[in-house]
Amino acid sequence: MADFDDFIEYALEISRSEASPVRVLQDASGATRRGVGSTVWDAGLVLAKYLDRQAEEGKLDLAGKTVLELGAGTGIVGIALAQLQPQCSVFVTDKQELVPLLQRNIELNGATNACAECLDWCRPEHRDGRWAEHKPDLILVSDGIWASDLHGPLADTLAHLAGSNTRVLLAYETRKFDEEARFVALWSRHFRFRDIKPADQHPVMQSEDIFV
C-alpha cells in the first residue's frame, strides 16, 4: 500500500455536492518521487471552479456521459466533476507512479463514479485500449503544457482520443508565451477552440495568468 504520511490535505469547496468540500492529499513541495503531479496547481483549481459554476447555473449536464482527465495529478478536477455530476463516469489518469495517489483521493471523497488509470501521453500505446472505440464525451486537461517537450505528445494524444463529438476543456497558467503559442498551433490542426472569458469563469477563482 502506498505511503502518504508526508502528504497534506487540500480542500476545495464546491456548490452542488453533498460531499463538499472535495478533499485531496497532496505533496505541496513536489519533493516526493511522484514529482510535480502530486501537487495541487492553480490552473486545476480554476478549471474545477469553472465546472462548479457551470453546474450551479444549470449549464452542465453529463448524465450518462464519459469524462477523461489527462495528467490528473491529484485528481482534484476530475473528482470535483464526479461529485458535481454523479451520473457520469469519470476516468482520472496519469503516469503509473501517480495512480495510487489518484485512487486514494477517489476513496477519500467516496467518488464511486470515478476510477484511476494509467495513461501516459508520452507512450502512444496508452492511447488505445478502451479509448480506441469508446471515445470520451469530455476531456479535461489542467496545466498539461508546462513543459515544451510535452506539447507534441499531448496534442497527438488529444487528436487520437477525441471523437467527432468530444469536447476538450484545457486550462493552463502562462509561463512561456512563445512555447504555448506553438502548442496552440499544434492543437489547432485538429480542433476548433475558443477562450472561456473571465466573465464566464468563477468570479473569485480565476487569474489573468490562467487561461481556459
Protein backbone atom coordinates (compact mmCIF):
# COMPACT_ATOMS: atom_id res chain seq x y z
CA MET A 1 0.00 0.00 0.00
CA ALA A 2 1.31 3.45 -0.91
CA ASP A 3 2.52 5.62 1.98
CA PHE A 4 1.05 9.13 2.09
CA ASP A 5 2.15 10.03 5.63
CA ASP A 6 4.10 13.06 4.39
CA PHE A 7 1.20 14.38 2.33
CA ILE A 8 -1.15 17.14 3.46
CA GLU A 9 -4.83 17.57 2.71
CA TYR A 10 -6.21 20.27 0.43
CA ALA A 11 -9.94 21.08 0.49
CA LEU A 12 -11.89 22.76 -2.31
CA GLU A 13 -15.44 23.95 -1.72
CA ILE A 14 -17.91 23.15 -4.47
CA SER A 15 -21.50 24.26 -4.51
CA ARG A 16 -23.55 21.30 -5.66
CA SER A 17 -22.13 18.33 -3.83
CA GLU A 18 -23.43 16.67 -0.68
CA ALA A 19 -19.82 15.63 -0.06
CA SER A 20 -18.42 19.17 -0.30
CA PRO A 21 -15.65 20.08 0.08
CA VAL A 22 -13.57 17.97 -2.27
CA ARG A 23 -10.53 16.78 -0.34
CA VAL A 24 -7.29 15.55 -1.85
CA LEU A 25 -3.95 14.55 -0.44
CA GLN A 26 -1.02 16.37 -1.99
CA ASP A 27 2.70 16.79 -1.65
CA ALA A 28 2.78 20.58 -1.63
CA SER A 29 6.57 20.60 -2.07
CA GLY A 30 6.57 18.25 -5.08
CA ALA A 31 9.62 16.65 -3.49
CA THR A 32 8.47 13.02 -3.47
CA ARG A 33 9.29 10.56 -6.23
CA ARG A 34 5.86 11.22 -7.71
CA GLY A 35 7.08 14.66 -8.78
CA VAL A 36 5.12 17.81 -9.54
CA GLY A 37 2.00 15.82 -10.42
CA SER A 38 1.39 15.18 -6.72
CA THR A 39 0.77 18.89 -6.10
CA VAL A 40 -2.45 20.90 -6.50
CA TRP A 41 -1.83 23.63 -9.08
CA ASP A 42 -3.78 26.84 -9.60
CA ALA A 43 -4.90 26.02 -13.15
CA GLY A 44 -6.65 22.92 -11.82
CA LEU A 45 -8.48 24.98 -9.22
CA VAL A 46 -9.61 27.48 -11.85
CA LEU A 47 -10.89 24.67 -14.07
CA ALA A 48 -12.65 22.90 -11.19
CA LYS A 49 -14.40 26.08 -10.10
CA TYR A 50 -15.39 26.88 -13.70
CA LEU A 51 -17.10 23.48 -13.84
CA ASP A 52 -18.66 24.22 -10.45
CA ARG A 53 -20.14 27.45 -11.77
CA GLN A 54 -21.41 25.72 -14.90
CA ALA A 55 -23.17 23.14 -12.73
CA GLU A 56 -24.56 25.77 -10.38
CA GLU A 57 -26.07 27.65 -13.31
CA GLY A 58 -27.57 24.50 -14.81
CA LYS A 59 -25.28 24.60 -17.85
CA LEU A 60 -23.55 21.29 -17.18
CA ASP A 61 -25.38 18.02 -17.82
CA LEU A 62 -23.14 14.99 -18.20
CA ALA A 63 -25.60 12.29 -17.09
CA GLY A 64 -24.66 9.05 -18.83
CA LYS A 65 -21.53 10.63 -20.31
CA THR A 66 -17.88 9.60 -20.06
CA VAL A 67 -15.23 12.07 -18.90
CA LEU A 68 -11.47 11.53 -19.22
CA GLU A 69 -8.94 13.65 -17.34
CA LEU A 70 -5.38 13.59 -18.69
CA GLY A 71 -2.43 14.39 -16.44
CA ALA A 72 -4.81 14.39 -13.49
CA GLY A 73 -2.12 14.60 -10.80
CA THR A 74 -4.01 14.66 -7.51
CA GLY A 75 -7.30 14.24 -9.40
CA ILE A 76 -8.87 17.35 -7.92
CA VAL A 77 -10.55 18.43 -11.17
CA GLY A 78 -11.95 15.04 -12.15
CA ILE A 79 -13.05 14.20 -8.61
CA ALA A 80 -14.79 17.57 -8.26
CA LEU A 81 -16.63 16.90 -11.51
CA ALA A 82 -17.55 13.40 -10.36
CA GLN A 83 -19.11 14.93 -7.24
CA LEU A 84 -20.92 17.62 -9.25
CA GLN A 85 -22.21 15.12 -11.82
CA PRO A 86 -22.76 11.80 -10.02
CA GLN A 87 -24.48 10.22 -13.03
CA CYS A 88 -21.44 10.48 -15.29
CA SER A 89 -18.34 8.24 -15.37
CA VAL A 90 -15.01 9.94 -14.72
CA PHE A 91 -11.62 8.41 -15.50
CA VAL A 92 -8.71 10.26 -13.88
CA THR A 93 -5.43 9.28 -15.49
CA ASP A 94 -1.73 9.98 -15.20
CA LYS A 95 1.60 8.17 -15.13
CA GLN A 96 1.73 4.90 -13.20
CA GLU A 97 3.51 6.42 -10.19
CA LEU A 98 0.54 8.75 -9.60
CA VAL A 99 -2.23 6.14 -9.89
CA PRO A 100 -2.07 5.16 -6.18
CA LEU A 101 -2.49 8.82 -5.18
CA LEU A 102 -5.41 9.22 -7.56
CA GLN A 103 -7.05 6.08 -6.18
CA ARG A 104 -6.52 7.25 -2.59
CA ASN A 105 -8.11 10.62 -3.33
CA ILE A 106 -11.08 8.98 -5.04
CA GLU A 107 -11.60 6.86 -1.93
CA LEU A 108 -11.18 9.89 0.33
CA ASN A 109 -14.18 11.50 -1.38
CA GLY A 110 -16.29 8.38 -1.84
CA ALA A 111 -16.48 9.15 -5.56
CA THR A 112 -17.94 5.85 -6.71
CA ASN A 113 -18.40 7.11 -10.28
CA ALA A 114 -14.66 7.83 -10.66
CA CYS A 115 -11.74 5.49 -11.24
CA ALA A 116 -7.98 5.90 -11.61
CA GLU A 117 -5.99 4.51 -14.53
CA CYS A 118 -2.53 4.80 -16.04
CA LEU A 119 -2.42 6.82 -19.24
CA ASP A 120 0.93 8.39 -20.11
CA TRP A 121 0.50 10.54 -23.19
CA CYS A 122 4.21 10.20 -23.97
CA ARG A 123 3.60 6.48 -24.59
CA PRO A 124 1.49 6.07 -27.76
CA GLU A 125 0.39 2.55 -26.79
CA HIS A 126 -1.56 4.05 -23.87
CA ARG A 127 -3.88 5.84 -26.29
CA ASP A 128 -5.53 2.62 -27.35
CA GLY A 129 -7.33 0.13 -25.14
CA ARG A 130 -10.80 1.26 -24.11
CA TRP A 131 -10.44 4.63 -25.88
CA ALA A 132 -9.80 3.16 -29.33
CA GLU A 133 -13.53 2.54 -29.85
CA HIS A 134 -15.26 4.28 -26.95
CA LYS A 135 -14.44 7.96 -27.26
CA PRO A 136 -14.94 10.16 -24.20
CA ASP A 137 -17.59 12.86 -24.30
CA LEU A 138 -15.36 15.32 -22.43
CA ILE A 139 -11.59 15.51 -21.92
CA LEU A 140 -10.10 17.62 -19.13
CA VAL A 141 -6.51 18.88 -19.02
CA SER A 142 -5.12 21.32 -16.46
CA ASP A 143 -1.56 22.64 -16.54
CA GLY A 144 -0.57 19.99 -19.06
CA ILE A 145 1.64 22.23 -21.19
CA TRP A 146 4.08 23.47 -18.56
CA ALA A 147 7.00 21.77 -20.37
CA SER A 148 7.53 22.21 -24.10
CA ASP A 149 8.56 18.58 -24.65
CA LEU A 150 5.02 17.58 -23.64
CA HIS A 151 3.32 19.70 -26.31
CA GLY A 152 3.63 17.34 -29.26
CA PRO A 153 2.67 14.17 -27.34
CA LEU A 154 -0.30 15.93 -25.71
CA ALA A 155 -1.59 17.35 -29.00
CA ASP A 156 -1.24 13.92 -30.63
CA THR A 157 -2.97 12.22 -27.70
CA LEU A 158 -5.89 14.63 -27.76
CA ALA A 159 -6.30 14.14 -31.51
CA HIS A 160 -6.18 10.36 -31.08
CA LEU A 161 -8.58 10.13 -28.15
CA ALA A 162 -11.19 12.65 -29.22
CA GLY A 163 -14.17 11.64 -31.31
CA SER A 164 -16.17 13.92 -33.55
CA ASN A 165 -18.41 14.94 -30.63
CA THR A 166 -15.76 15.13 -27.91
CA ARG A 167 -15.25 18.44 -26.14
CA VAL A 168 -11.90 19.36 -24.57
CA LEU A 169 -11.52 21.74 -21.64
CA LEU A 170 -7.92 22.83 -21.15
CA ALA A 171 -6.66 25.24 -18.51
CA TYR A 172 -3.08 26.40 -18.20
CA GLU A 173 -1.02 29.02 -16.44
CA THR A 174 1.01 31.04 -18.91
CA ARG A 175 4.75 30.78 -18.36
CA LYS A 176 6.45 30.95 -21.77
CA PHE A 177 4.13 32.59 -24.28
CA ASP A 178 6.08 31.64 -27.43
CA GLU A 179 6.13 27.95 -26.49
CA GLU A 180 2.44 27.99 -25.56
CA ALA A 181 1.62 29.62 -28.89
CA ARG A 182 3.36 26.73 -30.64
CA PHE A 183 1.19 24.27 -28.72
CA VAL A 184 -1.94 26.18 -29.75
CA ALA A 185 -0.76 25.92 -33.36
CA LEU A 186 -0.38 22.13 -32.97
CA TRP A 187 -3.77 21.88 -31.30
CA SER A 188 -5.49 23.93 -33.98
CA ARG A 189 -4.61 21.33 -36.62
CA HIS A 190 -7.25 19.05 -35.12
CA PHE A 191 -9.63 21.24 -33.10
CA ARG A 192 -11.64 24.42 -33.24
CA PHE A 193 -11.31 26.25 -29.94
CA ARG A 194 -12.26 29.39 -28.06
CA ASP A 195 -11.26 31.04 -24.80
CA ILE A 196 -13.57 30.97 -21.79
CA LYS A 197 -13.80 34.64 -20.89
CA PRO A 198 -13.24 35.78 -17.29
CA ALA A 199 -16.89 36.83 -17.05
CA ASP A 200 -17.89 33.19 -17.58
CA GLN A 201 -15.39 31.75 -15.10
CA HIS A 202 -15.82 31.59 -11.35
CA PRO A 203 -15.88 35.20 -10.10
CA VAL A 204 -13.22 34.58 -7.43
CA MET A 205 -11.23 31.55 -8.57
CA GLN A 206 -9.67 32.99 -11.72
CA SER A 207 -6.43 34.71 -12.68
CA GLU A 208 -5.18 36.87 -15.51
CA ASP A 209 -2.29 34.39 -15.87
CA ILE A 210 -4.54 31.32 -16.27
CA PHE A 211 -6.40 30.62 -19.49
CA VAL A 212 -9.29 28.21 -20.06
